[in-house]
Amino acid sequence: MLALVLKSSEVIIPMESMVDLKAERKRLEGEIAQSQALIASLEERLKDKAFLSKAPAAVVAKEREKLAERKDKLERLRQRRDELN
């Protein structure tokens, strides 16, 4: 099964015999690493008192929304990776 995890949805295609599972695991690991790095960056930004005090409320809300979306995507990526194991 090939799974693409998009911003707010997943596309699942049963293609076990057509996909290199090792390459798919590697791709997922890369996306997981990117998501973890972005989450860490967003968390640091949202801990920064200077950012929180100077940024407009809408910008802070947008950053919190991005963080929640990225955490959700990370969880879905991990689930897909675990399904391949």
PDB file of N, CA and C in Angstrom:
ATOM      1  N   MET A   1       0.848  -1.166   0.000  1.00  0.00           N
ATOM      2  CA  MET A   1       0.000   0.000   0.000  1.00  0.00           C
ATOM      3  C   MET A   1       0.896   1.232   0.000  1.00  0.00           C
ATOM      4  N   LEU A   2       0.661   2.114  -0.915  1.00  0.00           N
ATOM      5  CA  LEU A   2       1.365   3.384  -0.994  1.00  0.00           C
ATOM      6  C   LEU A   2       0.473   4.427  -0.354  1.00  0.00           C
ATOM      7  N   ALA A   3       1.028   5.189   0.576  1.00  0.00           N
ATOM      8  CA  ALA A   3       0.237   6.219   1.245  1.00  0.00           C
ATOM      9  C   ALA A   3       0.966   7.545   1.122  1.00  0.00           C
ATOM     10  N   LEU A   4       0.260   8.523   0.635  1.00  0.00           N
ATOM     11  CA  LEU A   4       0.767   9.878   0.580  1.00  0.00           C
ATOM     12  C   LEU A   4       0.015  10.679   1.630  1.00  0.00           C
ATOM     13  N   VAL A   5       0.735  11.280   2.535  1.00  0.00           N
ATOM     14  CA  VAL A   5       0.109  12.073   3.586  1.00  0.00           C
ATOM     15  C   VAL A   5       0.216  13.527   3.176  1.00  0.00           C
ATOM     16  N   LEU A   6      -0.919  14.110   2.903  1.00  0.00           N
ATOM     17  CA  LEU A   6      -0.978  15.497   2.480  1.00  0.00           C
ATOM     18  C   LEU A   6      -1.351  16.369   3.664  1.00  0.00           C
ATOM     19  N   LYS A   7      -1.500  17.645   3.418  1.00  0.00           N
ATOM     20  CA  LYS A   7      -1.769  18.589   4.504  1.00  0.00           C
ATOM     21  C   LYS A   7      -2.964  18.177   5.345  1.00  0.00           C
ATOM     22  N   SER A   8      -4.065  17.834   4.700  1.00  0.00           N
ATOM     23  CA  SER A   8      -5.260  17.502   5.472  1.00  0.00           C
ATOM     24  C   SER A   8      -5.931  16.216   5.024  1.00  0.00           C
ATOM     25  N   SER A   9      -5.230  15.422   4.235  1.00  0.00           N
ATOM     26  CA  SER A   9      -5.827  14.170   3.787  1.00  0.00           C
ATOM     27  C   SER A   9      -4.743  13.157   3.467  1.00  0.00           C
ATOM     28  N   GLU A  10      -5.169  11.950   3.225  1.00  0.00           N
ATOM     29  CA  GLU A  10      -4.266  10.865   2.874  1.00  0.00           C
ATOM     30  C   GLU A  10      -4.762  10.218   1.593  1.00  0.00           C
ATOM     31  N   VAL A  11      -3.830   9.803   0.769  1.00  0.00           N
ATOM     32  CA  VAL A  11      -4.156   9.060  -0.436  1.00  0.00           C
ATOM     33  C   VAL A  11      -3.520   7.690  -0.272  1.00  0.00           C
ATOM     34  N   ILE A  12      -4.331   6.653  -0.283  1.00  0.00           N
ATOM     35  CA  ILE A  12      -3.831   5.297  -0.079  1.00  0.00           C
ATOM     36  C   ILE A  12      -4.108   4.491  -1.334  1.00  0.00           C
ATOM     37  N   ILE A  13      -3.035   3.911  -1.877  1.00  0.00           N
ATOM     38  CA  ILE A  13      -3.146   3.109  -3.089  1.00  0.00           C
ATOM     39  C   ILE A  13      -2.542   1.746  -2.786  1.00  0.00           C
ATOM     40  N   PRO A  14      -3.347   0.663  -2.873  1.00  0.00           N
ATOM     41  CA  PRO A  14      -2.791  -0.676  -2.612  1.00  0.00           C
ATOM     42  C   PRO A  14      -1.890  -1.100  -3.771  1.00  0.00           C
ATOM     43  N   MET A  15      -0.578  -0.974  -3.565  1.00  0.00           N
ATOM     44  CA  MET A  15       0.374  -1.266  -4.632  1.00  0.00           C
ATOM     45  C   MET A  15       1.578  -2.046  -4.104  1.00  0.00           C
ATOM     46  N   GLU A  16       1.372  -2.937  -3.157  1.00  0.00           N
ATOM     47  CA  GLU A  16       2.486  -3.632  -2.542  1.00  0.00           C
ATOM     48  C   GLU A  16       3.434  -4.254  -3.556  1.00  0.00           C
ATOM     49  N   SER A  17       2.883  -4.848  -4.587  1.00  0.00           N
ATOM     50  CA  SER A  17       3.728  -5.534  -5.551  1.00  0.00           C
ATOM     51  C   SER A  17       4.395  -4.559  -6.527  1.00  0.00           C
ATOM     52  N   MET A  18       3.986  -3.307  -6.547  1.00  0.00           N
ATOM     53  CA  MET A  18       4.507  -2.346  -7.507  1.00  0.00           C
ATOM     54  C   MET A  18       5.434  -1.308  -6.880  1.00  0.00           C
ATOM     55  N   VAL A  19       5.583  -1.319  -5.566  1.00  0.00           N
ATOM     56  CA  VAL A  19       6.356  -0.299  -4.872  1.00  0.00           C
ATOM     57  C   VAL A  19       7.514  -0.949  -4.134  1.00  0.00           C
ATOM     58  N   ASP A  20       8.657  -0.312  -4.203  1.00  0.00           N
ATOM     59  CA  ASP A  20       9.825  -0.757  -3.447  1.00  0.00           C
ATOM     60  C   ASP A  20       9.606  -0.333  -1.991  1.00  0.00           C
ATOM     61  N   LEU A  21       9.285  -1.298  -1.140  1.00  0.00           N
ATOM     62  CA  LEU A  21       8.957  -0.978   0.248  1.00  0.00           C
ATOM     63  C   LEU A  21      10.128  -0.332   0.981  1.00  0.00           C
ATOM     64  N   LYS A  22      11.341  -0.753   0.657  1.00  0.00           N
ATOM     65  CA  LYS A  22      12.511  -0.157   1.299  1.00  0.00           C
ATOM     66  C   LYS A  22      12.614   1.327   0.927  1.00  0.00           C
ATOM     67  N   ALA A  23      12.396   1.641  -0.332  1.00  0.00           N
ATOM     68  CA  ALA A  23      12.445   3.034  -0.774  1.00  0.00           C
ATOM     69  C   ALA A  23      11.307   3.842  -0.157  1.00  0.00           C
ATOM     70  N   GLU A  24      10.140   3.228  -0.031  1.00  0.00           N
ATOM     71  CA  GLU A  24       8.995   3.924   0.577  1.00  0.00           C
ATOM     72  C   GLU A  24       9.263   4.218   2.049  1.00  0.00           C
ATOM     73  N   ARG A  25       9.856   3.250   2.765  1.00  0.00           N
ATOM     74  CA  ARG A  25      10.221   3.498   4.166  1.00  0.00           C
ATOM     75  C   ARG A  25      11.212   4.661   4.266  1.00  0.00           C
ATOM     76  N   LYS A  26      12.200   4.657   3.363  1.00  0.00           N
ATOM     77  CA  LYS A  26      13.207   5.720   3.366  1.00  0.00           C
ATOM     78  C   LYS A  26      12.551   7.082   3.090  1.00  0.00           C
ATOM     79  N   ARG A  27      11.623   7.126   2.152  1.00  0.00           N
ATOM     80  CA  ARG A  27      10.914   8.369   1.843  1.00  0.00           C
ATOM     81  C   ARG A  27      10.140   8.860   3.061  1.00  0.00           C
ATOM     82  N   LEU A  28       9.440   7.922   3.717  1.00  0.00           N
ATOM     83  CA  LEU A  28       8.670   8.282   4.905  1.00  0.00           C
ATOM     84  C   LEU A  28       9.581   8.784   6.016  1.00  0.00           C
ATOM     85  N   GLU A  29      10.729   8.123   6.206  1.00  0.00           N
ATOM     86  CA  GLU A  29      11.674   8.563   7.240  1.00  0.00           C
ATOM     87  C   GLU A  29      12.151   9.980   6.951  1.00  0.00           C
ATOM     88  N   GLY A  30      12.387  10.297   5.685  1.00  0.00           N
ATOM     89  CA  GLY A  30      12.794  11.643   5.321  1.00  0.00           C
ATOM     90  C   GLY A  30      11.714  12.660   5.629  1.00  0.00           C
ATOM     91  N   GLU A  31      10.470  12.332   5.302  1.00  0.00           N
ATOM     92  CA  GLU A  31       9.367  13.245   5.607  1.00  0.00           C
ATOM     93  C   GLU A  31       9.173  13.395   7.107  1.00  0.00           C
ATOM     94  N   ILE A  32       9.359  12.307   7.841  1.00  0.00           N
ATOM     95  CA  ILE A  32       9.246  12.358   9.303  1.00  0.00           C
ATOM     96  C   ILE A  32      10.312  13.295   9.866  1.00  0.00           C
ATOM     97  N   ALA A  33      11.540  13.172   9.380  1.00  0.00           N
ATOM     98  CA  ALA A  33      12.629  14.037   9.856  1.00  0.00           C
ATOM     99  C   ALA A  33      12.331  15.504   9.546  1.00  0.00           C
ATOM    100  N   GLN A  34      11.829  15.779   8.350  1.00  0.00           N
ATOM    101  CA  GLN A  34      11.482  17.160   7.992  1.00  0.00           C
ATOM    102  C   GLN A  34      10.376  17.694   8.892  1.00  0.00           C
ATOM    103  N   SER A  35       9.383  16.868   9.157  1.00  0.00           N
ATOM    104  CA  SER A  35       8.279  17.292  10.021  1.00  0.00           C
ATOM    105  C   SER A  35       8.765  17.558  11.436  1.00  0.00           C
ATOM    106  N   GLN A  36       9.644  16.687  11.939  1.00  0.00           N
ATOM    107  CA  GLN A  36      10.168  16.880  13.287  1.00  0.00           C
ATOM    108  C   GLN A  36      10.965  18.183  13.384  1.00  0.00           C
ATOM    109  N   ALA A  37      11.744  18.489  12.355  1.00  0.00           N
ATOM    110  CA  ALA A  37      12.529  19.725  12.362  1.00  0.00           C
ATOM    111  C   ALA A  37      11.618  20.945  12.326  1.00  0.00           C
ATOM    112  N   LEU A  38      10.587  20.890  11.507  1.00  0.00           N
ATOM    113  CA  LEU A  38       9.657  22.016  11.430  1.00  0.00           C
ATOM    114  C   LEU A  38       8.890  22.184  12.739  1.00  0.00           C
ATOM    115  N   ILE A  39       8.494  21.079  13.341  1.00  0.00           N
ATOM    116  CA  ILE A  39       7.790  21.141  14.630  1.00  0.00           C
ATOM    117  C   ILE A  39       8.688  21.787  15.682  1.00  0.00           C
ATOM    118  N   ALA A  40       9.949  21.380  15.726  1.00  0.00           N
ATOM    119  CA  ALA A  40      10.879  21.961  16.699  1.00  0.00           C
ATOM    120  C   ALA A  40      11.029  23.459  16.471  1.00  0.00           C
ATOM    121  N   SER A  41      11.121  23.862  15.207  1.00  0.00           N
ATOM    122  CA  SER A  41      11.249  25.278  14.876  1.00  0.00           C
ATOM    123  C   SER A  41      10.007  26.061  15.298  1.00  0.00           C
ATOM    124  N   LEU A  42       8.843  25.525  14.989  1.00  0.00           N
ATOM    125  CA  LEU A  42       7.594  26.197  15.361  1.00  0.00           C
ATOM    126  C   LEU A  42       7.441  26.276  16.877  1.00  0.00           C
ATOM    127  N   GLU A  43       7.800  25.206  17.569  1.00  0.00           N
ATOM    128  CA  GLU A  43       7.698  25.216  19.036  1.00  0.00           C
ATOM    129  C   GLU A  43       8.629  26.267  19.639  1.00  0.00           C
ATOM    130  N   GLU A  44       9.841  26.370  19.089  1.00  0.00           N
ATOM    131  CA  GLU A  44      10.772  27.385  19.588  1.00  0.00           C
ATOM    132  C   GLU A  44      10.225  28.790  19.351  1.00  0.00           C
ATOM    133  N   ARG A  45       9.683  29.006  18.167  1.00  0.00           N
ATOM    134  CA  ARG A  45       9.122  30.319  17.851  1.00  0.00           C
ATOM    135  C   ARG A  45       7.985  30.658  18.811  1.00  0.00           C
ATOM    136  N   LEU A  46       7.147  29.657  19.107  1.00  0.00           N
ATOM    137  CA  LEU A  46       6.004  29.910  19.982  1.00  0.00           C
ATOM    138  C   LEU A  46       6.387  30.003  21.452  1.00  0.00           C
ATOM    139  N   LYS A  47       7.615  29.645  21.794  1.00  0.00           N
ATOM    140  CA  LYS A  47       8.124  29.831  23.157  1.00  0.00           C
ATOM    141  C   LYS A  47       8.827  31.173  23.315  1.00  0.00           C
ATOM    142  N   ASP A  48       9.140  31.806  22.197  1.00  0.00           N
ATOM    143  CA  ASP A  48       9.892  33.063  22.197  1.00  0.00           C
ATOM    144  C   ASP A  48       8.985  34.207  22.658  1.00  0.00           C
ATOM    145  N   LYS A  49       9.275  34.723  23.831  1.00  0.00           N
ATOM    146  CA  LYS A  49       8.443  35.791  24.400  1.00  0.00           C
ATOM    147  C   LYS A  49       8.461  37.045  23.537  1.00  0.00           C
ATOM    148  N   ALA A  50       9.586  37.322  22.894  1.00  0.00           N
ATOM    149  CA  ALA A  50       9.670  38.502  22.026  1.00  0.00           C
ATOM    150  C   ALA A  50       8.724  38.328  20.827  1.00  0.00           C
ATOM    151  N   PHE A  51       8.721  37.147  20.235  1.00  0.00           N
ATOM    152  CA  PHE A  51       7.823  36.884  19.110  1.00  0.00           C
ATOM    153  C   PHE A  51       6.376  37.024  19.557  1.00  0.00           C
ATOM    154  N   LEU A  52       6.046  36.398  20.679  1.00  0.00           N
ATOM    155  CA  LEU A  52       4.668  36.422  21.166  1.00  0.00           C
ATOM    156  C   LEU A  52       4.197  37.832  21.507  1.00  0.00           C
ATOM    157  N   SER A  53       5.111  38.653  22.014  1.00  0.00           N
ATOM    158  CA  SER A  53       4.701  40.003  22.409  1.00  0.00           C
ATOM    159  C   SER A  53       4.632  40.971  21.221  1.00  0.00           C
ATOM    160  N   LYS A  54       5.418  40.733  20.183  1.00  0.00           N
ATOM    161  CA  LYS A  54       5.465  41.665  19.055  1.00  0.00           C
ATOM    162  C   LYS A  54       4.597  41.269  17.873  1.00  0.00           C
ATOM    163  N   ALA A  55       4.395  39.978  17.691  1.00  0.00           N
ATOM    164  CA  ALA A  55       3.639  39.515  16.521  1.00  0.00           C
ATOM    165  C   ALA A  55       2.147  39.763  16.707  1.00  0.00           C
ATOM    166  N   PRO A  56       1.465  40.097  15.627  1.00  0.00           N
ATOM    167  CA  PRO A  56       0.001  40.236  15.711  1.00  0.00           C
ATOM    168  C   PRO A  56      -0.639  38.905  16.121  1.00  0.00           C
ATOM    169  N   ALA A  57      -1.748  39.000  16.796  1.00  0.00           N
ATOM    170  CA  ALA A  57      -2.435  37.796  17.276  1.00  0.00           C
ATOM    171  C   ALA A  57      -2.742  36.838  16.128  1.00  0.00           C
ATOM    172  N   ALA A  58      -3.081  37.357  14.964  1.00  0.00           N
ATOM    173  CA  ALA A  58      -3.392  36.506  13.814  1.00  0.00           C
ATOM    174  C   ALA A  58      -2.175  35.697  13.372  1.00  0.00           C
ATOM    175  N   VAL A  59      -0.989  36.295  13.451  1.00  0.00           N
ATOM    176  CA  VAL A  59       0.241  35.594  13.072  1.00  0.00           C
ATOM    177  C   VAL A  59       0.539  34.486  14.069  1.00  0.00           C
ATOM    178  N   VAL A  60       0.390  34.780  15.345  1.00  0.00           N
ATOM    179  CA  VAL A  60       0.615  33.765  16.381  1.00  0.00           C
ATOM    180  C   VAL A  60      -0.384  32.623  16.209  1.00  0.00           C
ATOM    181  N   ALA A  61      -1.633  32.947  15.954  1.00  0.00           N
ATOM    182  CA  ALA A  61      -2.653  31.918  15.746  1.00  0.00           C
ATOM    183  C   ALA A  61      -2.317  31.054  14.540  1.00  0.00           C
ATOM    184  N   LYS A  62      -1.831  31.678  13.476  1.00  0.00           N
ATOM    185  CA  LYS A  62      -1.458  30.932  12.268  1.00  0.00           C
ATOM    186  C   LYS A  62      -0.299  29.983  12.554  1.00  0.00           C
ATOM    187  N   GLU A  63       0.670  30.423  13.338  1.00  0.00           N
ATOM    188  CA  GLU A  63       1.798  29.566  13.697  1.00  0.00           C
ATOM    189  C   GLU A  63       1.330  28.383  14.552  1.00  0.00           C
ATOM    190  N   ARG A  64       0.405  28.634  15.460  1.00  0.00           N
ATOM    191  CA  ARG A  64      -0.143  27.546  16.281  1.00  0.00           C
ATOM    192  C   ARG A  64      -0.918  26.551  15.406  1.00  0.00           C
ATOM    193  N   GLU A  65      -1.619  27.074  14.424  1.00  0.00           N
ATOM    194  CA  GLU A  65      -2.359  26.216  13.496  1.00  0.00           C
ATOM    195  C   GLU A  65      -1.385  25.365  12.680  1.00  0.00           C
ATOM    196  N   LYS A  66      -0.309  25.984  12.203  1.00  0.00           N
ATOM    197  CA  LYS A  66       0.698  25.229  11.442  1.00  0.00           C
ATOM    198  C   LYS A  66       1.306  24.130  12.307  1.00  0.00           C
ATOM    199  N   LEU A  67       1.560  24.442  13.573  1.00  0.00           N
ATOM    200  CA  LEU A  67       2.131  23.456  14.483  1.00  0.00           C
ATOM    201  C   LEU A  67       1.173  22.277  14.662  1.00  0.00           C
ATOM    202  N   ALA A  68      -0.088  22.554  14.877  1.00  0.00           N
ATOM    203  CA  ALA A  68      -1.073  21.478  15.053  1.00  0.00           C
ATOM    204  C   ALA A  68      -1.180  20.629  13.784  1.00  0.00           C
ATOM    205  N   GLU A  69      -1.191  21.277  12.629  1.00  0.00           N
ATOM    206  CA  GLU A  69      -1.276  20.539  11.366  1.00  0.00           C
ATOM    207  C   GLU A  69      -0.050  19.664  11.162  1.00  0.00           C
ATOM    208  N   ARG A  70       1.124  20.191  11.469  1.00  0.00           N
ATOM    209  CA  ARG A  70       2.355  19.435  11.266  1.00  0.00           C
ATOM    210  C   ARG A  70       2.436  18.258  12.234  1.00  0.00           C
ATOM    211  N   LYS A  71       1.961  18.453  13.476  1.00  0.00           N
ATOM    212  CA  LYS A  71       1.945  17.340  14.430  1.00  0.00           C
ATOM    213  C   LYS A  71       1.001  16.238  13.954  1.00  0.00           C
ATOM    214  N   ASP A  72      -0.145  16.628  13.410  1.00  0.00           N
ATOM    215  CA  ASP A  72      -1.086  15.652  12.862  1.00  0.00           C
ATOM    216  C   ASP A  72      -0.455  14.900  11.699  1.00  0.00           C
ATOM    217  N   LYS A  73       0.199  15.624  10.805  1.00  0.00           N
ATOM    218  CA  LYS A  73       0.848  14.983   9.660  1.00  0.00           C
ATOM    219  C   LYS A  73       1.945  14.029  10.134  1.00  0.00           C
ATOM    220  N   LEU A  74       2.721  14.439  11.132  1.00  0.00           N
ATOM    221  CA  LEU A  74       3.781  13.589  11.668  1.00  0.00           C
ATOM    222  C   LEU A  74       3.196  12.285  12.197  1.00  0.00           C
ATOM    223  N   GLU A  75       2.111  12.366  12.909  1.00  0.00           N
ATOM    224  CA  GLU A  75       1.476  11.162  13.447  1.00  0.00           C
ATOM    225  C   GLU A  75       1.030  10.234  12.312  1.00  0.00           C
ATOM    226  N   ARG A  76       0.432  10.809  11.264  1.00  0.00           N
ATOM    227  CA  ARG A  76      -0.013   9.994  10.134  1.00  0.00           C
ATOM    228  C   ARG A  76       1.170   9.373   9.389  1.00  0.00           C
ATOM    229  N   LEU A  77       2.268  10.118   9.256  1.00  0.00           N
ATOM    230  CA  LEU A  77       3.461   9.572   8.616  1.00  0.00           C
ATOM    231  C   LEU A  77       4.011   8.395   9.420  1.00  0.00           C
ATOM    232  N   ARG A  78       4.050   8.552  10.733  1.00  0.00           N
ATOM    233  CA  ARG A  78       4.538   7.463  11.589  1.00  0.00           C
ATOM    234  C   ARG A  78       3.643   6.233  11.486  1.00  0.00           C
ATOM    235  N   GLN A  79       2.347   6.441  11.412  1.00  0.00           N
ATOM    236  CA  GLN A  79       1.418   5.316  11.268  1.00  0.00           C
ATOM    237  C   GLN A  79       1.680   4.578   9.960  1.00  0.00           C
ATOM    238  N   ARG A  80       1.865   5.322   8.880  1.00  0.00           N
ATOM    239  CA  ARG A  80       2.125   4.698   7.571  1.00  0.00           C
ATOM    240  C   ARG A  80       3.436   3.920   7.603  1.00  0.00           C
ATOM    241  N   ARG A  81       4.458   4.534   8.208  1.00  0.00           N
ATOM    242  CA  ARG A  81       5.766   3.850   8.321  1.00  0.00           C
ATOM    243  C   ARG A  81       5.605   2.554   9.101  1.00  0.00           C
ATOM    244  N   ASP A  82       4.876   2.617  10.202  1.00  0.00           N
ATOM    245  CA  ASP A  82       4.695   1.427  11.033  1.00  0.00           C
ATOM    246  C   ASP A  82       3.910   0.335  10.302  1.00  0.00           C
ATOM    247  N   GLU A  83       3.003   0.743   9.425  1.00  0.00           N
ATOM    248  CA  GLU A  83       2.238  -0.236   8.647  1.00  0.00           C
ATOM    249  C   GLU A  83       3.126  -0.981   7.668  1.00  0.00           C
ATOM    250  N   LEU A  84       4.219  -0.377   7.253  1.00  0.00           N
ATOM    251  CA  LEU A  84       5.132  -1.034   6.322  1.00  0.00           C
ATOM    252  C   LEU A  84       6.053  -2.021   7.015  1.00  0.00           C
ATOM    253  N   ASN A  85       6.191  -1.904   8.320  1.00  0.00           N
ATOM    254  CA  ASN A  85       7.085  -2.804   9.069  1.00  0.00           C
ATOM    255  C   ASN A  85       6.414  -4.107   9.418  1.00  0.00           C
TER     256      ASN A  85
END
